[in-house]
């Protein structure tokens, strides 16, 4: 089935309109962060690597996303986080380093329209082509819905409103790195070859939801049959065959690669790392906003992208690590 391309459900910073009352100006780019901590595999699983078929074998992807051709990839062993990075872990990073996220520097970030919790003066506009995304002054990882929200009671939810830059800074501090796109897909498949989802080909086996995505009429009515309107705790539903949680839905996850829709036709077979340059970084996994009518990207082969400084209420990440070195004992 050929699908019509629709914009990613995480808007780029440049696509978000503002009204005549501007957000606080962005501060100068922060100086390089602290030196990387000793390598750590805390909270990670070790995967043996090997060969797998990468890409969309069902013809269900958006052509502009470049999910084809299906191609054989060989990976060396690696480690990857069991879960997305949580609010609690990101708070520890900020406390230790004083890191200021891109959303905080820019003064605003994108919040889904049904959950905005902010004074009217903080509502600055909406995203071009995706009016359900509202640019909210003061929205960032600590206040994900705006100034009248916080993360109390959500320490084990995935951190959101993090850009690729923020994710890379955290990974360096934690003694880790971001996964390559190929590592992410191999890990997300959980050992199931050529399947549509991390658990098989049926979205709701036995009538049970296996991921946090949209149910109802997007973007106005979410019946929350899966139990969640926005983010779910990082250990919701069931882990896949490799022991990874929530590799479909919940939050988009940044990968290390630059994005190109033509990359699969030219990528090397062994440990592909993405194009050498680009303007956007790869995102994987879909989010709580994905729905077949709009963003059918909770399939394990699905890919998307965004600019490295973009943030929104459904962008998160998990980390990876090489497996060639003996595991260290440092905390991450």
C-alpha atoms as a PDB file:
ATOM      1  CA  UNK A   1       0.000   0.000   0.000  1.00  0.00           C
ATOM      2  CA  UNK A   2       1.398   3.389  -0.981  1.00  0.00           C
ATOM      3  CA  UNK A   3       0.761   5.999   1.683  1.00  0.00           C
ATOM      4  CA  UNK A   4       0.465   9.753   1.277  1.00  0.00           C
ATOM      5  CA  UNK A   5       3.181  11.540   3.204  1.00  0.00           C
ATOM      6  CA  UNK A   6       2.066  13.563   6.183  1.00  0.00           C
ATOM      7  CA  UNK A   7       4.283  15.696   8.407  1.00  0.00           C
ATOM      8  CA  UNK A   8       5.899  14.059  11.391  1.00  0.00           C
ATOM      9  CA  UNK A   9       3.955  14.313  14.623  1.00  0.00           C
ATOM     10  CA  UNK A  10       6.874  16.122  16.239  1.00  0.00           C
ATOM     11  CA  UNK A  11       7.163  19.595  14.660  1.00  0.00           C
ATOM     12  CA  UNK A  12      10.458  21.240  13.806  1.00  0.00           C
ATOM     13  CA  UNK A  13      11.310  24.352  15.781  1.00  0.00           C
ATOM     14  CA  UNK A  14      11.280  26.433  12.608  1.00  0.00           C
ATOM     15  CA  UNK A  15       7.716  25.294  11.746  1.00  0.00           C
ATOM     16  CA  UNK A  16       6.128  26.648  14.909  1.00  0.00           C
ATOM     17  CA  UNK A  17       4.494  30.027  14.457  1.00  0.00           C
ATOM     18  CA  UNK A  18       4.454  32.721  17.099  1.00  0.00           C
ATOM     19  CA  UNK A  19       2.177  35.692  17.700  1.00  0.00           C
ATOM     20  CA  UNK A  20       3.327  39.287  18.017  1.00  0.00           C
ATOM     21  CA  UNK A  21       4.375  38.707  21.635  1.00  0.00           C
ATOM     22  CA  UNK A  22       7.666  36.874  21.228  1.00  0.00           C
ATOM     23  CA  UNK A  23       9.042  34.267  23.572  1.00  0.00           C
ATOM     24  CA  UNK A  24      12.174  35.065  25.496  1.00  0.00           C
ATOM     25  CA  UNK A  25      15.132  35.268  23.087  1.00  0.00           C
ATOM     26  CA  UNK A  26      17.357  32.258  22.882  1.00  0.00           C
ATOM     27  CA  UNK A  27      20.500  32.488  24.949  1.00  0.00           C
ATOM     28  CA  UNK A  28      23.853  32.028  23.223  1.00  0.00           C
ATOM     29  CA  UNK A  29      24.740  28.421  22.581  1.00  0.00           C
ATOM     30  CA  UNK A  30      26.052  26.780  25.711  1.00  0.00           C
ATOM     31  CA  UNK A  31      29.717  25.965  26.020  1.00  0.00           C
ATOM     32  CA  UNK A  32      30.673  22.309  25.521  1.00  0.00           C
ATOM     33  CA  UNK A  33      29.388  20.167  28.340  1.00  0.00           C
ATOM     34  CA  UNK A  34      31.459  18.430  30.989  1.00  0.00           C
ATOM     35  CA  UNK A  35      33.876  15.716  30.019  1.00  0.00           C
ATOM     36  CA  UNK A  36      32.353  12.336  29.349  1.00  0.00           C
ATOM     37  CA  UNK A  37      32.014  10.128  32.400  1.00  0.00           C
ATOM     38  CA  UNK A  38      33.538   6.645  32.465  1.00  0.00           C
ATOM     39  CA  UNK A  39      31.741   4.202  30.222  1.00  0.00           C
ATOM     40  CA  UNK A  40      28.666   2.706  31.843  1.00  0.00           C
ATOM     41  CA  UNK A  41      26.186   0.009  30.881  1.00  0.00           C
ATOM     42  CA  UNK A  42      23.836   0.626  33.796  1.00  0.00           C
ATOM     43  CA  UNK A  43      20.241  -0.132  32.775  1.00  0.00           C
ATOM     44  CA  UNK A  44      21.325  -1.609  29.450  1.00  0.00           C
ATOM     45  CA  UNK A  45      21.001  -5.005  27.801  1.00  0.00           C
ATOM     46  CA  UNK A  46      23.800  -6.531  25.738  1.00  0.00           C
ATOM     47  CA  UNK A  47      22.799  -7.657  22.261  1.00  0.00           C
ATOM     48  CA  UNK A  48      24.921 -10.069  20.277  1.00  0.00           C
ATOM     49  CA  UNK A  49      24.443  -8.330  16.961  1.00  0.00           C
ATOM     50  CA  UNK A  50      24.501 -10.260  13.701  1.00  0.00           C
ATOM     51  CA  UNK A  51      22.517  -9.938  10.482  1.00  0.00           C
ATOM     52  CA  UNK A  52      18.942  -8.747  10.063  1.00  0.00           C
ATOM     53  CA  UNK A  53      16.689  -7.404   7.315  1.00  0.00           C
ATOM     54  CA  UNK A  54      16.224  -3.664   7.877  1.00  0.00           C
ATOM     55  CA  UNK A  55      13.318  -1.728   6.382  1.00  0.00           C
ATOM     56  CA  UNK A  56       9.625  -1.939   5.498  1.00  0.00           C
ATOM     57  CA  UNK A  57       8.696  -5.309   3.978  1.00  0.00           C
ATOM     58  CA  UNK A  58       4.964  -4.493   3.897  1.00  0.00           C
ATOM     59  CA  UNK A  59       4.893  -1.393   1.685  1.00  0.00           C
ATOM     60  CA  UNK A  60       3.230   0.604   4.448  1.00  0.00           C
ATOM     61  CA  UNK A  61       5.710   3.450   4.862  1.00  0.00           C
ATOM     62  CA  UNK A  62       5.533   6.998   3.605  1.00  0.00           C
ATOM     63  CA  UNK A  63       7.743   7.275   0.484  1.00  0.00           C
ATOM     64  CA  UNK A  64       9.381  10.467   1.762  1.00  0.00           C
ATOM     65  CA  UNK A  65      10.552   8.611   4.887  1.00  0.00           C
ATOM     66  CA  UNK A  66      12.749   6.249   2.866  1.00  0.00           C
ATOM     67  CA  UNK A  67      11.903   2.947   4.592  1.00  0.00           C
ATOM     68  CA  UNK A  68      12.985   0.936   1.536  1.00  0.00           C
ATOM     69  CA  UNK A  69      14.665  -0.960   0.052  1.00  0.00           C
ATOM     70  CA  UNK A  70      14.754  -3.720   2.639  1.00  0.00           C
ATOM     71  CA  UNK A  71      18.438  -4.527   3.002  1.00  0.00           C
ATOM     72  CA  UNK A  72      20.653  -6.841   5.024  1.00  0.00           C
ATOM     73  CA  UNK A  73      22.612  -5.190   7.833  1.00  0.00           C
ATOM     74  CA  UNK A  74      25.373  -6.722   9.956  1.00  0.00           C
ATOM     75  CA  UNK A  75      25.943  -5.329  13.427  1.00  0.00           C
ATOM     76  CA  UNK A  76      28.676  -5.850  15.960  1.00  0.00           C
ATOM     77  CA  UNK A  77      27.553  -6.568  19.557  1.00  0.00           C
ATOM     78  CA  UNK A  78      26.312  -3.513  21.439  1.00  0.00           C
ATOM     79  CA  UNK A  79      24.440  -2.407  24.543  1.00  0.00           C
ATOM     80  CA  UNK A  80      21.203  -0.425  24.600  1.00  0.00           C
ATOM     81  CA  UNK A  81      19.015   0.984  27.374  1.00  0.00           C
ATOM     82  CA  UNK A  82      16.078  -1.136  28.459  1.00  0.00           C
ATOM     83  CA  UNK A  83      13.915   1.984  28.559  1.00  0.00           C
ATOM     84  CA  UNK A  84      13.754   5.562  27.409  1.00  0.00           C
ATOM     85  CA  UNK A  85      15.546   8.005  29.719  1.00  0.00           C
ATOM     86  CA  UNK A  86      13.211   9.053  32.525  1.00  0.00           C
ATOM     87  CA  UNK A  87      12.458  12.397  34.121  1.00  0.00           C
ATOM     88  CA  UNK A  88      14.308  11.214  37.228  1.00  0.00           C
ATOM     89  CA  UNK A  89      17.485  10.332  35.321  1.00  0.00           C
ATOM     90  CA  UNK A  90      17.409  13.537  33.296  1.00  0.00           C
ATOM     91  CA  UNK A  91      16.932  15.538  36.504  1.00  0.00           C
ATOM     92  CA  UNK A  92      20.082  13.909  37.909  1.00  0.00           C
ATOM     93  CA  UNK A  93      21.968  14.967  34.786  1.00  0.00           C
ATOM     94  CA  UNK A  94      20.743  18.563  35.034  1.00  0.00           C
ATOM     95  CA  UNK A  95      21.560  18.720  38.741  1.00  0.00           C
ATOM     96  CA  UNK A  96      25.085  17.433  38.113  1.00  0.00           C
ATOM     97  CA  UNK A  97      25.895  19.583  35.087  1.00  0.00           C
ATOM     98  CA  UNK A  98      23.595  22.607  35.078  1.00  0.00           C
ATOM     99  CA  UNK A  99      22.584  21.726  31.527  1.00  0.00           C
ATOM    100  CA  UNK A 100      20.042  24.090  29.964  1.00  0.00           C
ATOM    101  CA  UNK A 101      17.921  22.439  27.285  1.00  0.00           C
ATOM    102  CA  UNK A 102      17.254  23.955  23.889  1.00  0.00           C
ATOM    103  CA  UNK A 103      13.578  24.413  24.833  1.00  0.00           C
ATOM    104  CA  UNK A 104      14.619  26.457  27.855  1.00  0.00           C
ATOM    105  CA  UNK A 105      17.043  28.540  25.814  1.00  0.00           C
ATOM    106  CA  UNK A 106      14.496  29.239  23.085  1.00  0.00           C
ATOM    107  CA  UNK A 107      11.873  30.073  25.718  1.00  0.00           C
ATOM    108  CA  UNK A 108       9.119  27.863  24.329  1.00  0.00           C
ATOM    109  CA  UNK A 109       8.348  24.414  23.002  1.00  0.00           C
ATOM    110  CA  UNK A 110       5.546  22.521  21.251  1.00  0.00           C
ATOM    111  CA  UNK A 111       2.680  21.135  23.371  1.00  0.00           C
ATOM    112  CA  UNK A 112      -0.248  19.066  22.097  1.00  0.00           C
ATOM    113  CA  UNK A 113      -3.377  21.220  22.041  1.00  0.00           C
ATOM    114  CA  UNK A 114      -5.523  19.027  24.327  1.00  0.00           C
ATOM    115  CA  UNK A 115      -3.092  19.220  27.259  1.00  0.00           C
ATOM    116  CA  UNK A 116      -1.832  22.828  27.283  1.00  0.00           C
ATOM    117  CA  UNK A 117      -1.626  24.062  30.885  1.00  0.00           C
ATOM    118  CA  UNK A 118      -0.543  27.673  30.614  1.00  0.00           C
ATOM    119  CA  UNK A 119      -1.924  31.233  30.796  1.00  0.00           C
ATOM    120  CA  UNK A 120      -3.385  32.538  27.544  1.00  0.00           C
ATOM    121  CA  UNK A 121      -0.463  34.941  27.208  1.00  0.00           C
ATOM    122  CA  UNK A 122       1.900  31.984  26.964  1.00  0.00           C
ATOM    123  CA  UNK A 123       0.128  30.522  23.915  1.00  0.00           C
ATOM    124  CA  UNK A 124       2.243  31.836  21.044  1.00  0.00           C
ATOM    125  CA  UNK A 125       0.919  30.116  17.937  1.00  0.00           C
ATOM    126  CA  UNK A 126       0.731  26.738  16.253  1.00  0.00           C
ATOM    127  CA  UNK A 127       2.854  24.621  13.963  1.00  0.00           C
ATOM    128  CA  UNK A 128       2.601  25.103  10.219  1.00  0.00           C
ATOM    129  CA  UNK A 129       0.611  22.209   8.769  1.00  0.00           C
ATOM    130  CA  UNK A 130      -0.037  20.692  12.204  1.00  0.00           C
ATOM    131  CA  UNK A 131      -2.292  23.078  14.178  1.00  0.00           C
ATOM    132  CA  UNK A 132      -2.684  20.583  17.016  1.00  0.00           C
ATOM    133  CA  UNK A 133       0.844  21.562  18.094  1.00  0.00           C
ATOM    134  CA  UNK A 134       0.856  24.770  20.149  1.00  0.00           C
ATOM    135  CA  UNK A 135       4.000  26.794  20.783  1.00  0.00           C
ATOM    136  CA  UNK A 136       3.863  27.425  24.532  1.00  0.00           C
ATOM    137  CA  UNK A 137       6.103  29.873  26.332  1.00  0.00           C
ATOM    138  CA  UNK A 138       7.824  28.228  29.291  1.00  0.00           C
ATOM    139  CA  UNK A 139       7.146  24.639  28.201  1.00  0.00           C
ATOM    140  CA  UNK A 140      10.188  22.432  28.748  1.00  0.00           C
ATOM    141  CA  UNK A 141      11.138  19.136  30.355  1.00  0.00           C
ATOM    142  CA  UNK A 142      10.217  20.225  33.908  1.00  0.00           C
ATOM    143  CA  UNK A 143       6.923  21.815  32.767  1.00  0.00           C
ATOM    144  CA  UNK A 144       5.862  19.635  29.858  1.00  0.00           C
ATOM    145  CA  UNK A 145       2.402  21.166  29.335  1.00  0.00           C
ATOM    146  CA  UNK A 146       3.349  24.745  30.182  1.00  0.00           C
ATOM    147  CA  UNK A 147       3.795  26.967  33.239  1.00  0.00           C
ATOM    148  CA  UNK A 148       0.861  25.415  35.126  1.00  0.00           C
ATOM    149  CA  UNK A 149       2.270  21.883  34.874  1.00  0.00           C
ATOM    150  CA  UNK A 150       5.164  19.979  36.393  1.00  0.00           C
ATOM    151  CA  UNK A 151       6.513  16.429  36.521  1.00  0.00           C
ATOM    152  CA  UNK A 152       5.421  15.658  40.080  1.00  0.00           C
ATOM    153  CA  UNK A 153       4.257  12.058  40.081  1.00  0.00           C
ATOM    154  CA  UNK A 154       6.010  11.324  36.790  1.00  0.00           C
ATOM    155  CA  UNK A 155       9.594  10.393  37.744  1.00  0.00           C
ATOM    156  CA  UNK A 156       9.366   7.153  35.752  1.00  0.00           C
ATOM    157  CA  UNK A 157       7.815   8.701  32.654  1.00  0.00           C
ATOM    158  CA  UNK A 158      10.114   9.421  29.708  1.00  0.00           C
ATOM    159  CA  UNK A 159      11.633  12.879  29.698  1.00  0.00           C
ATOM    160  CA  UNK A 160      10.221  15.017  26.858  1.00  0.00           C
ATOM    161  CA  UNK A 161      10.962  18.388  25.270  1.00  0.00           C
ATOM    162  CA  UNK A 162      14.535  17.206  24.716  1.00  0.00           C
ATOM    163  CA  UNK A 163      16.322  18.026  21.475  1.00  0.00           C
ATOM    164  CA  UNK A 164      18.932  15.847  19.802  1.00  0.00           C
ATOM    165  CA  UNK A 165      21.523  18.224  21.248  1.00  0.00           C
ATOM    166  CA  UNK A 166      20.165  17.644  24.760  1.00  0.00           C
ATOM    167  CA  UNK A 167      20.057  13.870  24.273  1.00  0.00           C
ATOM    168  CA  UNK A 168      23.651  13.777  23.031  1.00  0.00           C
ATOM    169  CA  UNK A 169      24.787  15.878  26.010  1.00  0.00           C
ATOM    170  CA  UNK A 170      23.058  13.504  28.444  1.00  0.00           C
ATOM    171  CA  UNK A 171      24.566  10.449  26.742  1.00  0.00           C
ATOM    172  CA  UNK A 172      28.068  11.887  27.006  1.00  0.00           C
ATOM    173  CA  UNK A 173      27.569  12.663  30.703  1.00  0.00           C
ATOM    174  CA  UNK A 174      26.200   9.166  31.332  1.00  0.00           C
ATOM    175  CA  UNK A 175      29.169   7.409  29.736  1.00  0.00           C
ATOM    176  CA  UNK A 176      26.990   6.277  26.851  1.00  0.00           C
ATOM    177  CA  UNK A 177      26.059   7.367  23.322  1.00  0.00           C
ATOM    178  CA  UNK A 178      22.957   7.550  21.159  1.00  0.00           C
ATOM    179  CA  UNK A 179      22.143   4.393  19.186  1.00  0.00           C
ATOM    180  CA  UNK A 180      22.604   4.256  15.463  1.00  0.00           C
ATOM    181  CA  UNK A 181      19.394   3.855  13.508  1.00  0.00           C
ATOM    182  CA  UNK A 182      20.365   0.303  12.555  1.00  0.00           C
ATOM    183  CA  UNK A 183      21.066  -0.604  16.185  1.00  0.00           C
ATOM    184  CA  UNK A 184      17.734   0.886  17.200  1.00  0.00           C
ATOM    185  CA  UNK A 185      15.741  -1.151  14.667  1.00  0.00           C
ATOM    186  CA  UNK A 186      17.612  -4.366  15.432  1.00  0.00           C
ATOM    187  CA  UNK A 187      16.971  -3.889  19.151  1.00  0.00           C
ATOM    188  CA  UNK A 188      13.335  -2.851  18.655  1.00  0.00           C
ATOM    189  CA  UNK A 189      12.560  -5.937  16.609  1.00  0.00           C
ATOM    190  CA  UNK A 190      13.301  -8.075  19.640  1.00  0.00           C
ATOM    191  CA  UNK A 191      14.538 -11.002  17.565  1.00  0.00           C
ATOM    192  CA  UNK A 192      11.422 -11.215  15.371  1.00  0.00           C
ATOM    193  CA  UNK A 193      12.480 -11.192  11.729  1.00  0.00           C
ATOM    194  CA  UNK A 194      10.427  -9.228   9.220  1.00  0.00           C
ATOM    195  CA  UNK A 195       7.479  -8.475  11.481  1.00  0.00           C
ATOM    196  CA  UNK A 196       5.359  -5.349  11.471  1.00  0.00           C
ATOM    197  CA  UNK A 197       5.575  -4.613  15.202  1.00  0.00           C
ATOM    198  CA  UNK A 198       7.938  -5.521  18.002  1.00  0.00           C
ATOM    199  CA  UNK A 199       5.507  -8.279  19.090  1.00  0.00           C
ATOM    200  CA  UNK A 200       4.277  -9.581  15.704  1.00  0.00           C
ATOM    201  CA  UNK A 201       2.038  -8.508  12.838  1.00  0.00           C
ATOM    202  CA  UNK A 202      -1.212  -7.780  14.717  1.00  0.00           C
ATOM    203  CA  UNK A 203      -1.591  -4.430  16.457  1.00  0.00           C
ATOM    204  CA  UNK A 204      -3.751  -5.677  19.342  1.00  0.00           C
ATOM    205  CA  UNK A 205      -3.244  -9.429  19.772  1.00  0.00           C
ATOM    206  CA  UNK A 206      -6.039 -10.907  21.831  1.00  0.00           C
ATOM    207  CA  UNK A 207      -7.674  -7.473  21.882  1.00  0.00           C
ATOM    208  CA  UNK A 208      -4.968  -6.083  24.165  1.00  0.00           C
ATOM    209  CA  UNK A 209      -2.988  -2.927  23.535  1.00  0.00           C
ATOM    210  CA  UNK A 210       0.756  -3.462  23.423  1.00  0.00           C
ATOM    211  CA  UNK A 211       1.828   0.161  23.016  1.00  0.00           C
ATOM    212  CA  UNK A 212       0.834   3.742  23.857  1.00  0.00           C
ATOM    213  CA  UNK A 213      -0.590   5.337  20.707  1.00  0.00           C
ATOM    214  CA  UNK A 214      -3.750   7.274  19.780  1.00  0.00           C
ATOM    215  CA  UNK A 215      -7.197   5.684  19.800  1.00  0.00           C
ATOM    216  CA  UNK A 216     -10.222   7.582  18.547  1.00  0.00           C
ATOM    217  CA  UNK A 217     -10.476  10.476  16.096  1.00  0.00           C
ATOM    218  CA  UNK A 218      -7.192  12.315  15.684  1.00  0.00           C
ATOM    219  CA  UNK A 219      -6.541  15.054  16.765  1.00  0.00           C
ATOM    220  CA  UNK A 220      -9.657  15.843  18.786  1.00  0.00           C
ATOM    221  CA  UNK A 221     -10.871  12.671  20.525  1.00  0.00           C
ATOM    222  CA  UNK A 222      -8.577  10.171  22.234  1.00  0.00           C
ATOM    223  CA  UNK A 223     -10.502   7.411  23.967  1.00  0.00           C
ATOM    224  CA  UNK A 224      -7.297   6.374  25.777  1.00  0.00           C
ATOM    225  CA  UNK A 225      -8.181   2.695  25.491  1.00  0.00           C
ATOM    226  CA  UNK A 226      -4.504   1.917  26.057  1.00  0.00           C
ATOM    227  CA  UNK A 227      -4.669   3.727  29.400  1.00  0.00           C
ATOM    228  CA  UNK A 228      -2.849   6.952  28.522  1.00  0.00           C
ATOM    229  CA  UNK A 229      -3.571  10.333  26.953  1.00  0.00           C
ATOM    230  CA  UNK A 230       0.074  11.405  26.876  1.00  0.00           C
ATOM    231  CA  UNK A 231       3.171   9.604  28.155  1.00  0.00           C
ATOM    232  CA  UNK A 232       3.121   6.285  29.997  1.00  0.00           C
ATOM    233  CA  UNK A 233       5.737   5.076  32.512  1.00  0.00           C
ATOM    234  CA  UNK A 234       8.744   3.663  30.685  1.00  0.00           C
ATOM    235  CA  UNK A 235       8.027   0.100  31.828  1.00  0.00           C
ATOM    236  CA  UNK A 236       4.440  -0.060  30.604  1.00  0.00           C
ATOM    237  CA  UNK A 237       2.994  -2.960  28.581  1.00  0.00           C
ATOM    238  CA  UNK A 238       5.469  -5.797  27.935  1.00  0.00           C
ATOM    239  CA  UNK A 239       9.144  -5.774  26.959  1.00  0.00           C
ATOM    240  CA  UNK A 240      10.077  -7.186  23.580  1.00  0.00           C
ATOM    241  CA  UNK A 241      12.148 -10.311  23.014  1.00  0.00           C
ATOM    242  CA  UNK A 242      15.372  -8.455  23.782  1.00  0.00           C
ATOM    243  CA  UNK A 243      14.055  -7.026  27.042  1.00  0.00           C
ATOM    244  CA  UNK A 244      13.408  -3.500  25.724  1.00  0.00           C
ATOM    245  CA  UNK A 245      10.311  -1.595  26.811  1.00  0.00           C
ATOM    246  CA  UNK A 246       8.098   0.683  24.698  1.00  0.00           C
ATOM    247  CA  UNK A 247       9.912   0.568  21.384  1.00  0.00           C
ATOM    248  CA  UNK A 248       6.565   1.438  19.772  1.00  0.00           C
ATOM    249  CA  UNK A 249       4.654   4.568  20.727  1.00  0.00           C
ATOM    250  CA  UNK A 250       5.010   6.584  23.941  1.00  0.00           C
ATOM    251  CA  UNK A 251       7.795   8.954  22.777  1.00  0.00           C
ATOM    252  CA  UNK A 252       9.867   9.359  19.656  1.00  0.00           C
ATOM    253  CA  UNK A 253      13.501   8.430  20.261  1.00  0.00           C
ATOM    254  CA  UNK A 254      16.498  10.229  18.803  1.00  0.00           C
ATOM    255  CA  UNK A 255      19.176   8.230  16.979  1.00  0.00           C
ATOM    256  CA  UNK A 256      22.717   9.345  16.227  1.00  0.00           C
ATOM    257  CA  UNK A 257      22.337   9.327  12.423  1.00  0.00           C
ATOM    258  CA  UNK A 258      21.753  12.195  10.082  1.00  0.00           C
ATOM    259  CA  UNK A 259      18.592  11.526   8.054  1.00  0.00           C
ATOM    260  CA  UNK A 260      18.347  10.948   4.322  1.00  0.00           C
ATOM    261  CA  UNK A 261      15.350   9.324   2.561  1.00  0.00           C
ATOM    262  CA  UNK A 262      17.724   7.726   0.037  1.00  0.00           C
ATOM    263  CA  UNK A 263      20.207   6.315   2.528  1.00  0.00           C
ATOM    264  CA  UNK A 264      18.952   2.717   2.494  1.00  0.00           C
ATOM    265  CA  UNK A 265      19.835   2.387  -1.204  1.00  0.00           C
ATOM    266  CA  UNK A 266      23.459   3.281  -0.538  1.00  0.00           C
ATOM    267  CA  UNK A 267      24.188   2.362   3.063  1.00  0.00           C
ATOM    268  CA  UNK A 268      27.018  -0.073   3.861  1.00  0.00           C
ATOM    269  CA  UNK A 269      26.057  -3.568   4.956  1.00  0.00           C
ATOM    270  CA  UNK A 270      28.248  -3.499   8.071  1.00  0.00           C
ATOM    271  CA  UNK A 271      27.344  -1.208  10.973  1.00  0.00           C
ATOM    272  CA  UNK A 272      25.819   1.675   8.976  1.00  0.00           C
ATOM    273  CA  UNK A 273      26.144   5.048  10.717  1.00  0.00           C
ATOM    274  CA  UNK A 274      24.000   7.240   8.483  1.00  0.00           C
ATOM    275  CA  UNK A 275      25.020   9.954   6.005  1.00  0.00           C
ATOM    276  CA  UNK A 276      28.074  12.036   6.770  1.00  0.00           C
ATOM    277  CA  UNK A 277      26.104  15.275   6.877  1.00  0.00           C
ATOM    278  CA  UNK A 278      22.531  16.481   6.956  1.00  0.00           C
ATOM    279  CA  UNK A 279      20.032  18.940   8.361  1.00  0.00           C
ATOM    280  CA  UNK A 280      17.880  16.562  10.433  1.00  0.00           C
ATOM    281  CA  UNK A 281      18.522  13.613  12.745  1.00  0.00           C
ATOM    282  CA  UNK A 282      16.687  10.291  12.662  1.00  0.00           C
ATOM    283  CA  UNK A 283      13.769   9.634  15.013  1.00  0.00           C
ATOM    284  CA  UNK A 284      12.376   6.168  15.697  1.00  0.00           C
ATOM    285  CA  UNK A 285       9.457   4.472  17.415  1.00  0.00           C
ATOM    286  CA  UNK A 286       6.489   6.819  17.066  1.00  0.00           C
ATOM    287  CA  UNK A 287       4.694   8.374  20.021  1.00  0.00           C
ATOM    288  CA  UNK A 288       1.459   8.571  21.983  1.00  0.00           C
ATOM    289  CA  UNK A 289       0.065  10.728  19.152  1.00  0.00           C
ATOM    290  CA  UNK A 290       0.552   8.231  16.326  1.00  0.00           C
ATOM    291  CA  UNK A 291      -2.597   6.979  14.603  1.00  0.00           C
ATOM    292  CA  UNK A 292      -3.082   5.106  11.344  1.00  0.00           C
ATOM    293  CA  UNK A 293      -5.021   8.043   9.880  1.00  0.00           C
ATOM    294  CA  UNK A 294      -2.141  10.451  10.408  1.00  0.00           C
ATOM    295  CA  UNK A 295       1.183   8.950  11.476  1.00  0.00           C
ATOM    296  CA  UNK A 296       1.434   5.196  11.073  1.00  0.00           C
ATOM    297  CA  UNK A 297       4.975   5.238  12.396  1.00  0.00           C
ATOM    298  CA  UNK A 298       4.692   2.895  15.379  1.00  0.00           C
ATOM    299  CA  UNK A 299       5.688   0.062  13.022  1.00  0.00           C
ATOM    300  CA  UNK A 300       9.174  -1.225  13.807  1.00  0.00           C
ATOM    301  CA  UNK A 301      10.540  -0.225  10.369  1.00  0.00           C
ATOM    302  CA  UNK A 302       9.109   3.295  10.480  1.00  0.00           C
ATOM    303  CA  UNK A 303      11.433   6.271  10.544  1.00  0.00           C
ATOM    304  CA  UNK A 304      11.136  10.014  10.751  1.00  0.00           C
ATOM    305  CA  UNK A 305      13.395  12.984  11.419  1.00  0.00           C
ATOM    306  CA  UNK A 306      13.695  16.447  12.896  1.00  0.00           C
ATOM    307  CA  UNK A 307      16.244  19.223  13.251  1.00  0.00           C
ATOM    308  CA  UNK A 308      18.748  18.736  16.081  1.00  0.00           C
ATOM    309  CA  UNK A 309      17.458  21.720  18.080  1.00  0.00           C
ATOM    310  CA  UNK A 310      13.757  20.796  17.871  1.00  0.00           C
ATOM    311  CA  UNK A 311      11.752  19.804  20.932  1.00  0.00           C
ATOM    312  CA  UNK A 312       8.167  18.898  21.707  1.00  0.00           C
ATOM    313  CA  UNK A 313       6.035  17.078  24.239  1.00  0.00           C
ATOM    314  CA  UNK A 314       6.607  13.700  22.567  1.00  0.00           C
ATOM    315  CA  UNK A 315      10.365  13.693  21.888  1.00  0.00           C
ATOM    316  CA  UNK A 316      12.601  11.545  24.108  1.00  0.00           C
ATOM    317  CA  UNK A 317      15.507   9.119  23.729  1.00  0.00           C
ATOM    318  CA  UNK A 318      17.389   6.083  24.997  1.00  0.00           C
ATOM    319  CA  UNK A 319      21.133   5.448  24.986  1.00  0.00           C
ATOM    320  CA  UNK A 320      23.460   2.772  23.651  1.00  0.00           C
ATOM    321  CA  UNK A 321      27.055   1.693  24.084  1.00  0.00           C
ATOM    322  CA  UNK A 322      29.733  -0.299  22.315  1.00  0.00           C
ATOM    323  CA  UNK A 323      30.211  -3.840  23.603  1.00  0.00           C
ATOM    324  CA  UNK A 324      33.872  -4.233  22.690  1.00  0.00           C
ATOM    325  CA  UNK A 325      35.109  -2.991  26.061  1.00  0.00           C
ATOM    326  CA  UNK A 326      34.673  -4.830  29.339  1.00  0.00           C
ATOM    327  CA  UNK A 327      31.707  -3.326  31.191  1.00  0.00           C
ATOM    328  CA  UNK A 328      32.663  -0.633  33.652  1.00  0.00           C
ATOM    329  CA  UNK A 329      31.165  -0.098  37.045  1.00  0.00           C
ATOM    330  CA  UNK A 330      30.439   3.618  36.842  1.00  0.00           C
ATOM    331  CA  UNK A 331      26.907   4.764  37.564  1.00  0.00           C
ATOM    332  CA  UNK A 332      24.971   6.220  34.640  1.00  0.00           C
END
